[in-house]
Protein backbone atom coordinates (compact mmCIF):
# COMPACT_ATOMS: atom_id res chain seq x y z
CA UNK A 1 0.00 0.00 0.00
CA UNK A 2 2.77 2.46 0.90
CA UNK A 3 4.31 2.09 -2.56
CA UNK A 4 1.01 3.00 -4.19
CA UNK A 5 0.69 6.09 -1.99
CA UNK A 6 4.25 7.07 -2.84
CA UNK A 7 3.46 6.70 -6.54
CA UNK A 8 0.32 8.85 -6.22
CA UNK A 9 2.14 11.62 -4.38
CA UNK A 10 5.00 11.55 -6.88
CA UNK A 11 2.47 11.80 -9.69
CA UNK A 12 0.85 14.78 -7.93
CA UNK A 13 4.16 16.66 -7.61
CA UNK A 14 5.08 15.90 -11.23
CA UNK A 15 1.73 17.30 -12.35
CA UNK A 16 2.21 20.47 -10.28
CA UNK A 17 5.70 21.01 -11.69
CA UNK A 18 4.90 20.11 -15.30
CA UNK A 19 1.83 22.34 -15.38
CA UNK A 20 3.39 25.16 -13.36
CA UNK A 21 0.41 25.32 -11.03
CA UNK A 22 0.59 28.75 -9.32
CA UNK A 23 -0.13 27.62 -5.75
CA UNK A 24 2.81 25.20 -5.82
CA UNK A 25 5.88 26.81 -4.28
CA UNK A 26 8.02 23.70 -4.09
CA UNK A 27 8.79 22.36 -0.63
CA UNK A 28 7.35 25.46 1.05
CA UNK A 29 3.86 24.46 -0.12
CA UNK A 30 3.92 21.15 1.67
CA UNK A 31 5.90 22.27 4.69
CA UNK A 32 3.08 24.75 5.35
CA UNK A 33 0.50 22.06 4.61
CA UNK A 34 2.05 19.78 7.23
CA UNK A 35 1.75 22.55 9.82
CA UNK A 36 -1.87 23.21 8.87
CA UNK A 37 -2.78 19.53 8.92
CA UNK A 38 -1.17 19.04 12.34
CA UNK A 39 -3.39 21.80 13.68
CA UNK A 40 -6.41 19.94 12.28
CA UNK A 41 -5.19 16.72 13.91
CA UNK A 42 -4.94 18.51 17.21
CA UNK A 43 -8.53 19.70 16.86
CA UNK A 44 -9.79 16.18 16.12
CA UNK A 45 -7.92 14.79 19.12
CA UNK A 46 -9.76 17.29 21.29
CA UNK A 47 -13.06 16.17 19.78
CA UNK A 48 -12.19 12.53 20.44
CA UNK A 49 -13.47 11.55 17.00
CA UNK A 50 -11.51 8.64 15.59
CA UNK A 51 -13.07 8.76 12.10
CA UNK A 52 -12.08 12.37 11.45
CA UNK A 53 -8.81 12.00 13.32
CA UNK A 54 -7.77 9.09 11.10
CA UNK A 55 -8.67 11.14 8.04
CA UNK A 56 -6.62 14.11 9.26
CA UNK A 57 -3.67 11.86 10.08
CA UNK A 58 -3.66 10.70 6.48
CA UNK A 59 -3.67 14.33 5.39
CA UNK A 60 -0.51 14.84 7.45
CA UNK A 61 1.06 11.76 5.91
CA UNK A 62 0.06 12.85 2.39
CA UNK A 63 1.50 16.34 2.92
CA UNK A 64 4.71 14.79 4.30
CA UNK A 65 5.14 12.44 1.33
CA UNK A 66 4.48 15.30 -1.10
CA UNK A 67 6.99 17.39 0.86
CA UNK A 68 9.60 14.65 0.37
CA UNK A 69 8.87 14.46 -3.37
CA UNK A 70 9.25 18.23 -3.59
CA UNK A 71 12.62 18.06 -1.85
CA UNK A 72 13.66 15.24 -4.18
CA UNK A 73 12.69 17.28 -7.23
CA UNK A 74 14.66 20.24 -5.88
CA UNK A 75 17.69 17.97 -5.39
CA UNK A 76 17.69 18.75 -1.66
CA UNK A 77 17.46 15.04 -0.79
CA UNK A 78 18.74 12.01 -2.65
CA UNK A 79 15.33 10.34 -2.82
CA UNK A 80 12.13 9.67 -0.93
CA UNK A 81 13.20 6.05 -0.56
CA UNK A 82 16.51 7.15 0.95
CA UNK A 83 14.67 9.08 3.68
CA UNK A 84 12.71 5.94 4.58
CA UNK A 85 15.89 3.84 4.50
CA UNK A 86 17.54 6.28 6.91
CA UNK A 87 14.48 6.16 9.16
CA UNK A 88 14.50 2.38 9.29
CA UNK A 89 18.23 2.29 10.00
CA UNK A 90 18.08 5.03 12.61
CA UNK A 91 15.25 3.62 14.64
CA UNK A 92 16.18 0.02 13.98
CA UNK A 93 19.52 0.72 15.64
CA UNK A 94 17.89 2.58 18.52
CA UNK A 95 15.06 0.19 19.18
CA UNK A 96 16.71 -2.91 17.84
CA UNK A 97 14.90 -6.13 18.26
CA UNK A 98 15.75 -6.39 21.92
CA UNK A 99 13.18 -5.69 24.60
CA UNK A 100 15.80 -3.63 26.48
CA UNK A 101 15.99 -0.90 23.81
CA UNK A 102 15.31 1.90 26.30
CA UNK A 103 18.60 1.12 28.03
CA UNK A 104 20.68 2.22 25.07
CA UNK A 105 18.51 4.63 23.05
CA UNK A 106 20.55 7.68 24.10
CA UNK A 107 23.90 5.93 23.62
CA UNK A 108 23.00 4.81 20.10
CA UNK A 109 21.71 8.32 19.34
CA UNK A 110 25.13 9.84 20.19
CA UNK A 111 26.92 7.37 17.90
CA UNK A 112 24.42 8.02 15.10
CA UNK A 113 24.88 11.80 15.35
CA UNK A 114 28.64 11.35 14.99
CA UNK A 115 28.19 9.09 11.96
CA UNK A 116 25.90 11.70 10.36
CA UNK A 117 28.46 14.41 11.04
CA UNK A 118 31.19 12.33 9.40
CA UNK A 119 28.99 11.48 6.41
CA UNK A 120 28.08 15.14 5.96
CA UNK A 121 31.70 16.26 6.23
CA UNK A 122 32.82 13.63 3.73
CA UNK A 123 30.10 14.66 1.28
CA UNK A 124 30.69 18.39 1.62
CA UNK A 125 34.42 18.35 2.48
CA UNK A 126 33.95 20.09 5.80
CA UNK A 127 36.36 19.86 8.67
CA UNK A 128 33.78 20.77 11.32
């Protein structure tokens, strides 16, 4: 199912770009949409209405996936898939498959931040 949703959102972004739709301002459009949708989620949580809450949560997810496609089309990220690969790796390392994950979450996080710093510096030839 997630692949189909990714395909739909990619198709949407391609249409917006190809047809130069005026409201589309690249990643800014969907970054703002995420913020707006989160507000709507918050309202539905207050109402304690699971049907509308689930619908709004999908709106957040849709806006997020479109945001990723926008970033990909702007060459700001390698790919949408790469973001999900990083997510799986990051939280797979932190949570692991061990019931004692909470004992080393923070320790793994420190190591991961250092690896990211090294990867960034290698990619952009920084010494920081």
